[in-house]
Amino acid sequence: MFRRLAAAAVLAATAACSAPPDKELHQAEGAIAAAKAAGATRYAPDELKAAEAAVHDYRAAVDTRDYRQALRLAMDAQVSASAAARRAGDEKALARSRADRLIGDLALLIDRMTVRPGLPARVAPALAKQRPAAVARLQEARSRLEKQEYREVVASLEPLVAQLRRDLDQAAAPPVRRAR
């Protein structure tokens, strides 16, 4: 019984390697297309390149009629493409979350920049000058968010939000009195 199963396995492996594993190649190409659609070109380029390289190597293996190697490479490509799609989804979600948070932070900071009673007179003109530019950057960031340009929003807003926080913290601090 055991010998029959072993012989059947060897026969199946031999038969499977007598022709190019086109089915596995098509699955790998589909996985690569799905990874690209998930944003892997931007968010997981290394994994995507590995999948594409495996497909390239697959074709070279098929040209030399090394179908076992081709099968392994097609399966590697599929695994790499799936990893690229997962990583792209994770990275994209993190970037969107960060962009959303920065847009919210900037909106709150703009609100705090509004000149109102109790704001030190020494700071009001500087904040009044900064506010229109901050409002324009907020509008631009919201537009980029709609285009799913999350990393660009983060890169644009992080330094601005940090600077406005410092400026507003300085504005809120009582003036230092010098001893006579």
Protein backbone atom coordinates (compact mmCIF):
# COMPACT_ATOMS: atom_id res chain seq x y z
CA MET A 1 0.00 0.00 0.00
CA PHE A 2 2.75 2.42 0.99
CA ARG A 3 4.70 1.63 -2.16
CA ARG A 4 1.67 2.35 -4.33
CA LEU A 5 1.18 5.76 -2.68
CA ALA A 6 4.87 6.60 -3.04
CA ALA A 7 4.85 5.54 -6.68
CA ALA A 8 1.72 7.61 -7.33
CA ALA A 9 3.36 10.65 -5.70
CA VAL A 10 6.50 10.27 -7.82
CA LEU A 11 4.40 9.81 -10.95
CA ALA A 12 2.34 12.90 -10.12
CA ALA A 13 5.46 14.97 -9.44
CA THR A 14 7.05 13.82 -12.67
CA ALA A 15 3.90 14.51 -14.66
CA ALA A 16 3.50 17.89 -13.04
CA CYS A 17 7.02 18.84 -14.10
CA SER A 18 6.73 17.71 -17.73
CA ALA A 19 5.09 20.97 -18.79
CA PRO A 20 5.43 24.58 -17.70
CA PRO A 21 3.32 25.36 -14.62
CA ASP A 22 1.20 27.94 -16.42
CA LYS A 23 -1.62 27.81 -13.88
CA GLU A 24 0.74 28.86 -11.09
CA LEU A 25 2.18 31.62 -13.30
CA HIS A 26 -1.29 33.00 -13.93
CA GLN A 27 -2.03 32.91 -10.22
CA ALA A 28 1.22 34.77 -9.50
CA GLU A 29 0.45 37.38 -12.16
CA GLY A 30 -3.02 37.84 -10.69
CA ALA A 31 -1.52 38.28 -7.24
CA ILE A 32 0.91 40.88 -8.61
CA ALA A 33 -1.94 42.77 -10.26
CA ALA A 34 -3.88 42.69 -6.98
CA ALA A 35 -0.84 43.95 -5.08
CA LYS A 36 -0.44 46.84 -7.51
CA ALA A 37 -4.12 47.67 -7.13
CA ALA A 38 -3.65 47.71 -3.36
CA GLY A 39 -0.89 50.30 -3.72
CA ALA A 40 2.18 48.07 -3.47
CA THR A 41 4.03 50.18 -6.04
CA ARG A 42 4.02 53.02 -3.53
CA TYR A 43 3.71 51.33 -0.14
CA ALA A 44 5.51 47.96 -0.56
CA PRO A 45 7.90 48.33 -3.50
CA ASP A 46 10.49 45.82 -2.25
CA GLU A 47 8.02 42.96 -1.93
CA LEU A 48 6.49 43.82 -5.30
CA LYS A 49 9.92 43.87 -6.98
CA ALA A 50 10.66 40.45 -5.46
CA ALA A 51 7.45 39.06 -6.94
CA GLU A 52 8.17 40.55 -10.35
CA ALA A 53 11.75 39.24 -10.25
CA ALA A 54 10.46 35.74 -9.45
CA VAL A 55 8.17 35.91 -12.50
CA HIS A 56 11.11 37.02 -14.62
CA ASP A 57 13.19 34.12 -13.29
CA TYR A 58 10.23 31.79 -13.90
CA ARG A 59 10.34 32.63 -17.59
CA ALA A 60 14.08 31.93 -17.71
CA ALA A 61 13.52 28.57 -15.99
CA VAL A 62 10.78 27.67 -18.49
CA ASP A 63 13.12 28.58 -21.37
CA THR A 64 15.63 26.07 -20.01
CA ARG A 65 12.84 23.53 -19.41
CA ASP A 66 13.51 23.49 -15.67
CA TYR A 67 9.85 23.18 -14.77
CA ARG A 68 10.43 22.29 -11.14
CA GLN A 69 12.38 25.51 -10.68
CA ALA A 70 9.70 27.38 -12.62
CA LEU A 71 7.01 25.99 -10.33
CA ARG A 72 8.95 27.05 -7.25
CA LEU A 73 9.51 30.52 -8.69
CA ALA A 74 5.83 30.95 -9.60
CA MET A 75 4.86 30.01 -6.07
CA ASP A 76 7.52 32.39 -4.65
CA ALA A 77 6.12 35.17 -6.82
CA GLN A 78 2.63 34.53 -5.52
CA VAL A 79 3.80 34.58 -1.90
CA SER A 80 5.80 37.79 -2.43
CA ALA A 81 2.89 39.47 -4.20
CA SER A 82 0.52 38.53 -1.38
CA ALA A 83 3.00 39.93 1.15
CA ALA A 84 3.22 43.12 -0.91
CA ALA A 85 -0.55 43.50 -0.94
CA ARG A 86 -0.76 42.99 2.84
CA ARG A 87 2.06 45.41 3.57
CA ALA A 88 0.65 47.99 1.17
CA GLY A 89 -2.71 47.81 2.89
CA ASP A 90 -1.11 48.20 6.31
CA GLU A 91 1.18 51.07 5.26
CA LYS A 92 -1.62 52.84 3.44
CA ALA A 93 -3.90 52.60 6.47
CA LEU A 94 -1.17 53.96 8.75
CA ALA A 95 -0.46 56.85 6.40
CA ARG A 96 -4.15 57.70 6.12
CA SER A 97 -4.58 57.59 9.87
CA ARG A 98 -1.59 59.87 10.36
CA ALA A 99 -2.84 62.26 7.65
CA ASP A 100 -6.33 62.37 9.21
CA ARG A 101 -4.86 63.11 12.63
CA LEU A 102 -2.62 65.89 11.29
CA ILE A 103 -5.52 67.51 9.45
CA GLY A 104 -7.54 67.45 12.66
CA ASP A 105 -4.63 68.85 14.65
CA LEU A 106 -4.10 71.65 12.14
CA ALA A 107 -7.80 72.57 12.21
CA LEU A 108 -7.64 72.84 16.02
CA LEU A 109 -4.46 74.90 15.87
CA ILE A 110 -6.03 77.27 13.36
CA ASP A 111 -8.94 77.68 15.73
CA ARG A 112 -6.52 78.49 18.54
CA MET A 113 -4.81 81.06 16.29
CA THR A 114 -7.96 83.14 16.03
CA VAL A 115 -7.35 86.50 17.65
CA ARG A 116 -9.60 86.78 20.68
CA PRO A 117 -9.74 88.60 23.99
CA GLY A 118 -7.13 87.48 26.44
CA LEU A 119 -4.56 86.70 23.78
CA PRO A 120 -1.37 88.62 24.55
CA ALA A 121 -1.07 91.71 22.35
CA ARG A 122 2.57 90.87 21.62
CA VAL A 123 1.53 87.66 19.84
CA ALA A 124 -1.76 88.52 18.13
CA PRO A 125 -0.23 90.15 15.00
CA ALA A 126 2.15 87.23 14.38
CA LEU A 127 -0.66 84.68 14.70
CA ALA A 128 -2.92 86.78 12.47
CA LYS A 129 -0.23 86.70 9.77
CA GLN A 130 0.27 82.92 10.01
CA ARG A 131 -3.41 82.00 9.98
CA PRO A 132 -4.24 82.51 6.25
CA ALA A 133 -1.27 80.40 5.15
CA ALA A 134 -2.26 77.66 7.62
CA VAL A 135 -5.85 77.71 6.32
CA ALA A 136 -4.58 77.38 2.74
CA ARG A 137 -2.37 74.43 3.72
CA LEU A 138 -5.34 72.79 5.46
CA GLN A 139 -7.45 73.09 2.31
CA GLU A 140 -4.61 71.69 0.20
CA ALA A 141 -4.18 68.78 2.60
CA ARG A 142 -7.88 67.95 2.48
CA SER A 143 -7.75 67.97 -1.31
CA ARG A 144 -4.74 65.64 -1.30
CA LEU A 145 -6.46 63.37 1.19
CA GLU A 146 -9.34 62.92 -1.26
CA LYS A 147 -6.78 61.91 -3.91
CA GLN A 148 -5.34 59.36 -1.45
CA GLU A 149 -1.98 61.13 -1.35
CA TYR A 150 -1.55 60.27 2.31
CA ARG A 151 2.23 60.36 2.51
CA GLU A 152 2.32 63.77 0.85
CA VAL A 153 -0.19 65.11 3.37
CA VAL A 154 1.93 63.80 6.24
CA ALA A 155 5.15 65.24 4.79
CA SER A 156 3.48 68.60 4.24
CA LEU A 157 1.71 68.95 7.57
CA GLU A 158 4.08 67.44 10.15
CA PRO A 159 6.54 70.36 10.20
CA LEU A 160 3.76 72.95 10.01
CA VAL A 161 1.80 71.45 12.89
CA ALA A 162 4.96 71.18 15.01
CA GLN A 163 5.87 74.82 14.31
CA LEU A 164 2.36 76.10 15.05
CA ARG A 165 2.29 74.14 18.31
CA ARG A 166 5.57 75.76 19.38
CA ASP A 167 4.33 79.21 18.40
CA LEU A 168 1.03 78.80 20.24
CA ASP A 169 2.74 77.37 23.32
CA GLN A 170 5.04 80.39 23.39
CA ALA A 171 2.05 82.67 22.96
CA ALA A 172 0.26 81.03 25.88
CA ALA A 173 3.29 81.25 28.17
CA PRO A 174 3.35 84.28 30.45
CA PRO A 175 6.01 86.83 29.57
CA VAL A 176 9.24 86.50 31.49
CA ARG A 177 9.82 89.41 33.87
CA ARG A 178 13.31 90.50 34.41
CA ALA A 179 14.54 91.25 37.88
CA ARG A 180 15.69 94.80 38.47
